[in-house]
N, C-alpha and C. Protein backbone atom coordinates (compact mmCIF):
# COMPACT_ATOMS: atom_id res chain seq x y z
N MET A 1 3.32 17.10 -7.57
CA MET A 1 2.47 16.48 -8.61
C MET A 1 1.81 15.28 -8.02
N TRP A 2 0.53 15.13 -8.25
CA TRP A 2 -0.26 13.97 -7.79
C TRP A 2 0.12 12.75 -8.63
N GLU A 3 0.38 11.59 -7.94
CA GLU A 3 0.82 10.42 -8.64
C GLU A 3 0.10 9.21 -8.00
N ARG A 4 0.37 8.01 -8.57
CA ARG A 4 -0.23 6.76 -8.07
C ARG A 4 0.83 5.71 -8.02
N ILE A 5 0.82 4.91 -6.95
CA ILE A 5 1.69 3.72 -6.91
C ILE A 5 0.83 2.52 -6.65
N GLU A 6 1.30 1.42 -7.26
CA GLU A 6 0.72 0.14 -6.95
C GLU A 6 1.86 -0.76 -6.44
N SER A 7 1.75 -1.37 -5.31
CA SER A 7 2.85 -2.10 -4.70
C SER A 7 2.30 -3.37 -4.28
N GLY A 8 3.14 -4.39 -4.36
CA GLY A 8 2.91 -5.74 -3.86
C GLY A 8 3.98 -6.16 -2.87
N VAL A 9 3.50 -6.87 -1.82
CA VAL A 9 4.49 -7.26 -0.83
C VAL A 9 4.15 -8.70 -0.44
N SER A 10 5.18 -9.50 -0.32
CA SER A 10 5.02 -10.80 0.15
C SER A 10 5.82 -10.99 1.47
N ALA A 11 5.35 -11.71 2.44
CA ALA A 11 5.96 -11.98 3.70
C ALA A 11 5.43 -13.30 4.27
N LYS A 12 6.18 -13.81 5.21
CA LYS A 12 5.77 -15.06 5.78
C LYS A 12 4.47 -14.99 6.54
N THR A 13 4.29 -13.87 7.22
CA THR A 13 3.01 -13.68 8.01
C THR A 13 2.43 -12.30 7.74
N LEU A 14 1.30 -12.24 7.09
CA LEU A 14 0.63 -11.03 6.91
C LEU A 14 -0.78 -11.18 7.58
N ASP A 15 -1.13 -10.21 8.38
CA ASP A 15 -2.51 -10.25 9.01
C ASP A 15 -3.12 -8.90 9.03
N ASN A 16 -4.23 -8.80 9.73
CA ASN A 16 -4.97 -7.58 9.69
C ASN A 16 -4.23 -6.42 10.50
N ASP A 17 -3.34 -6.81 11.41
CA ASP A 17 -2.53 -5.81 12.10
C ASP A 17 -1.69 -4.98 11.11
N TYR A 18 -1.08 -5.72 10.12
CA TYR A 18 -0.24 -5.04 9.18
C TYR A 18 -1.07 -4.14 8.25
N LEU A 19 -2.27 -4.60 7.92
CA LEU A 19 -3.11 -3.71 7.12
C LEU A 19 -3.50 -2.48 7.86
N ILE A 20 -3.79 -2.60 9.16
CA ILE A 20 -4.09 -1.43 9.94
C ILE A 20 -2.96 -0.47 10.08
N SER A 21 -1.74 -1.05 10.23
CA SER A 21 -0.51 -0.19 10.34
C SER A 21 -0.24 0.59 9.06
N ILE A 22 -0.42 -0.06 7.91
CA ILE A 22 -0.21 0.56 6.68
C ILE A 22 -1.27 1.69 6.42
N LYS A 23 -2.52 1.30 6.76
CA LYS A 23 -3.63 2.34 6.60
C LYS A 23 -3.35 3.51 7.46
N ASP A 24 -3.00 3.27 8.76
CA ASP A 24 -2.76 4.45 9.67
C ASP A 24 -1.61 5.29 9.13
N TYR A 25 -0.51 4.68 8.61
CA TYR A 25 0.67 5.43 8.14
C TYR A 25 0.19 6.27 6.88
N ALA A 26 -0.55 5.59 6.01
CA ALA A 26 -1.00 6.33 4.79
C ALA A 26 -1.88 7.50 5.18
N LEU A 27 -2.74 7.35 6.12
CA LEU A 27 -3.60 8.40 6.54
C LEU A 27 -2.79 9.57 7.17
N GLU A 28 -1.82 9.16 7.96
CA GLU A 28 -0.92 10.13 8.59
C GLU A 28 -0.24 10.98 7.52
N LEU A 29 0.09 10.41 6.43
CA LEU A 29 0.78 11.14 5.34
C LEU A 29 -0.16 11.86 4.41
N GLY A 30 -1.44 11.62 4.56
CA GLY A 30 -2.50 12.33 3.71
C GLY A 30 -2.70 11.62 2.42
N LEU A 31 -2.42 10.36 2.26
CA LEU A 31 -2.60 9.59 1.10
C LEU A 31 -4.03 9.03 1.02
N VAL A 32 -4.46 8.68 -0.21
CA VAL A 32 -5.69 8.00 -0.38
C VAL A 32 -5.42 6.67 -1.12
N GLY A 33 -6.30 5.70 -0.99
CA GLY A 33 -6.01 4.43 -1.61
C GLY A 33 -6.62 3.25 -0.89
N ILE A 34 -5.99 2.08 -1.00
CA ILE A 34 -6.53 0.91 -0.47
C ILE A 34 -5.35 -0.11 -0.24
N VAL A 35 -5.52 -0.94 0.82
CA VAL A 35 -4.60 -2.03 1.03
C VAL A 35 -5.43 -3.33 1.37
N PHE A 36 -4.96 -4.44 0.84
CA PHE A 36 -5.72 -5.63 1.06
C PHE A 36 -4.76 -6.78 0.83
N ILE A 37 -5.12 -7.95 1.42
CA ILE A 37 -4.44 -9.19 1.23
C ILE A 37 -5.11 -9.96 0.09
N LYS A 38 -4.39 -10.25 -0.93
CA LYS A 38 -4.98 -10.91 -2.09
C LYS A 38 -5.17 -12.42 -1.69
N ASN A 39 -6.03 -13.17 -2.57
CA ASN A 39 -6.27 -14.50 -2.31
C ASN A 39 -4.95 -15.38 -2.25
N ASP A 40 -3.94 -14.91 -2.91
CA ASP A 40 -2.67 -15.67 -2.93
C ASP A 40 -1.82 -15.45 -1.67
N GLY A 41 -2.34 -14.62 -0.81
CA GLY A 41 -1.60 -14.33 0.43
C GLY A 41 -0.67 -13.12 0.47
N THR A 42 -0.52 -12.47 -0.76
CA THR A 42 0.34 -11.30 -0.85
C THR A 42 -0.46 -10.04 -0.56
N LEU A 43 0.21 -8.97 -0.22
CA LEU A 43 -0.37 -7.76 0.09
C LEU A 43 -0.33 -6.78 -1.08
N LYS A 44 -1.39 -6.13 -1.34
CA LYS A 44 -1.46 -5.19 -2.44
C LYS A 44 -1.83 -3.86 -1.90
N ILE A 45 -1.07 -2.79 -2.28
CA ILE A 45 -1.32 -1.46 -1.84
C ILE A 45 -1.45 -0.59 -3.11
N ILE A 46 -2.48 0.18 -3.12
CA ILE A 46 -2.64 1.19 -4.15
C ILE A 46 -2.79 2.55 -3.43
N ALA A 47 -1.95 3.47 -3.73
CA ALA A 47 -1.93 4.76 -3.05
C ALA A 47 -1.84 5.92 -4.02
N GLU A 48 -2.50 7.03 -3.78
CA GLU A 48 -2.31 8.23 -4.54
C GLU A 48 -2.05 9.42 -3.63
N GLY A 49 -1.24 10.31 -4.12
CA GLY A 49 -0.89 11.47 -3.31
C GLY A 49 0.26 12.22 -4.02
N GLU A 50 0.86 13.10 -3.37
CA GLU A 50 2.01 13.84 -3.85
C GLU A 50 3.24 12.89 -3.98
N GLU A 51 3.95 13.07 -5.13
CA GLU A 51 5.03 12.18 -5.42
C GLU A 51 6.05 12.03 -4.30
N LYS A 52 6.45 13.09 -3.72
CA LYS A 52 7.41 13.04 -2.59
C LYS A 52 6.84 12.23 -1.40
N VAL A 53 5.63 12.38 -1.14
CA VAL A 53 5.01 11.68 -0.02
C VAL A 53 4.93 10.19 -0.36
N LEU A 54 4.58 9.78 -1.56
CA LEU A 54 4.47 8.50 -1.99
C LEU A 54 5.85 7.78 -1.94
N GLN A 55 6.91 8.55 -2.27
CA GLN A 55 8.28 7.97 -2.25
C GLN A 55 8.62 7.65 -0.77
N GLU A 56 8.26 8.54 0.16
CA GLU A 56 8.49 8.28 1.59
C GLU A 56 7.75 6.98 2.09
N PHE A 57 6.44 7.02 1.67
CA PHE A 57 5.56 5.88 2.07
C PHE A 57 6.11 4.53 1.58
N ALA A 58 6.53 4.49 0.30
CA ALA A 58 7.03 3.25 -0.32
C ALA A 58 8.44 2.85 0.34
N LYS A 59 9.19 3.86 0.62
CA LYS A 59 10.49 3.54 1.26
C LYS A 59 10.35 2.96 2.67
N GLU A 60 9.41 3.45 3.40
CA GLU A 60 9.23 2.84 4.76
C GLU A 60 8.57 1.44 4.65
N ILE A 61 7.73 1.14 3.68
CA ILE A 61 7.19 -0.17 3.61
C ILE A 61 8.22 -1.16 3.16
N LYS A 62 9.06 -0.70 2.18
CA LYS A 62 10.10 -1.54 1.68
C LYS A 62 11.14 -1.90 2.72
N LYS A 63 11.40 -1.02 3.68
CA LYS A 63 12.37 -1.22 4.69
C LYS A 63 11.99 -2.40 5.62
N GLY A 64 10.69 -2.63 5.60
CA GLY A 64 10.18 -3.80 6.42
C GLY A 64 10.00 -3.42 7.87
N ASN A 65 9.76 -2.15 8.13
CA ASN A 65 9.59 -1.68 9.54
C ASN A 65 8.20 -2.19 10.03
N TYR A 66 7.23 -2.36 9.18
CA TYR A 66 5.96 -2.78 9.68
C TYR A 66 5.88 -4.34 9.79
N PHE A 67 6.66 -5.01 9.00
CA PHE A 67 6.81 -6.46 9.03
C PHE A 67 7.96 -6.90 8.17
N PRO A 68 8.59 -8.02 8.50
CA PRO A 68 9.72 -8.48 7.66
C PRO A 68 9.22 -8.96 6.29
N ILE A 69 9.67 -8.29 5.24
CA ILE A 69 9.13 -8.69 3.90
C ILE A 69 10.13 -9.60 3.20
N ASP A 70 9.57 -10.47 2.34
CA ASP A 70 10.32 -11.40 1.42
C ASP A 70 10.49 -10.79 0.08
N ASN A 71 9.54 -10.00 -0.41
CA ASN A 71 9.51 -9.47 -1.75
C ASN A 71 8.74 -8.20 -1.82
N PHE A 72 9.18 -7.19 -2.63
CA PHE A 72 8.54 -5.99 -2.68
C PHE A 72 8.63 -5.48 -4.16
N PHE A 73 7.54 -4.97 -4.69
CA PHE A 73 7.60 -4.36 -6.00
C PHE A 73 6.80 -3.06 -5.94
N LEU A 74 7.10 -2.15 -6.90
CA LEU A 74 6.46 -0.85 -6.93
C LEU A 74 6.32 -0.44 -8.35
N ILE A 75 5.10 0.01 -8.74
CA ILE A 75 4.86 0.49 -10.10
C ILE A 75 4.26 1.86 -9.97
N TRP A 76 4.87 2.86 -10.72
CA TRP A 76 4.25 4.16 -10.75
C TRP A 76 3.32 4.31 -11.90
N LYS A 77 2.19 4.92 -11.66
CA LYS A 77 1.10 5.12 -12.72
C LYS A 77 0.57 6.51 -12.62
N GLU A 78 -0.25 6.78 -13.62
CA GLU A 78 -1.01 8.03 -13.56
C GLU A 78 -2.14 7.81 -12.60
N PRO A 79 -2.43 8.85 -11.79
CA PRO A 79 -3.55 8.69 -10.89
C PRO A 79 -4.87 8.71 -11.56
N ASN A 80 -5.83 7.99 -11.02
CA ASN A 80 -7.18 8.01 -11.64
C ASN A 80 -8.16 8.55 -10.70
N HIS A 81 -7.80 9.00 -9.53
CA HIS A 81 -8.61 9.70 -8.48
C HIS A 81 -9.84 8.95 -8.10
N GLN A 82 -9.75 7.61 -8.06
CA GLN A 82 -10.93 6.77 -7.67
C GLN A 82 -11.16 6.75 -6.16
N PHE A 83 -10.15 7.14 -5.37
CA PHE A 83 -10.26 7.01 -3.89
C PHE A 83 -10.48 8.43 -3.27
N THR A 84 -11.17 8.45 -2.19
CA THR A 84 -11.38 9.61 -1.39
C THR A 84 -10.81 9.50 0.03
N ASP A 85 -10.35 8.26 0.34
CA ASP A 85 -9.83 7.94 1.68
C ASP A 85 -8.88 6.83 1.47
N PHE A 86 -8.18 6.45 2.56
CA PHE A 86 -7.40 5.25 2.49
C PHE A 86 -8.08 4.16 3.34
N THR A 87 -8.37 3.01 2.67
CA THR A 87 -9.19 2.01 3.35
C THR A 87 -8.47 0.62 3.31
N ILE A 88 -9.06 -0.26 4.09
CA ILE A 88 -8.72 -1.69 4.09
C ILE A 88 -9.77 -2.46 3.28
N GLY A 89 -9.30 -3.19 2.26
CA GLY A 89 -10.29 -3.90 1.43
C GLY A 89 -10.37 -5.38 1.77
N ASP A 90 -11.20 -6.05 1.15
CA ASP A 90 -11.34 -7.48 1.33
C ASP A 90 -10.39 -8.27 0.35
N ALA A 91 -10.14 -9.50 0.70
CA ALA A 91 -9.26 -10.24 -0.19
C ALA A 91 -9.75 -10.37 -1.61
N LYS A 92 -8.86 -10.15 -2.50
CA LYS A 92 -9.19 -10.12 -3.90
C LYS A 92 -8.11 -10.83 -4.74
N ASP A 93 -8.48 -11.29 -5.94
CA ASP A 93 -7.53 -11.81 -6.85
C ASP A 93 -6.66 -10.74 -7.41
N ASP A 94 -7.17 -9.59 -7.68
CA ASP A 94 -6.41 -8.39 -8.13
C ASP A 94 -7.42 -7.25 -8.18
N GLU A 95 -6.82 -6.07 -8.26
CA GLU A 95 -7.65 -4.81 -8.31
C GLU A 95 -7.86 -4.46 -9.78
């Protein structure tokens, strides 16, 4: 079943390399969505795809394999199918 997750991550150092790593992993899994660093310095990830794939995606990010994380949250929502690809966005206050 197609689902949506919205995730936030905080870490001591977040930069464009982390965004690229997350984007590449999401594309590898066939997910659509966006990742960006918010103006407050935290990372926001919105992804849509099959529930099982989203669980794997979130699990890997939470483990901190891409960067050592300080805080992680995950919210499951109904998909709204606004994305056709997985992209890196510009800094925003919120989506």
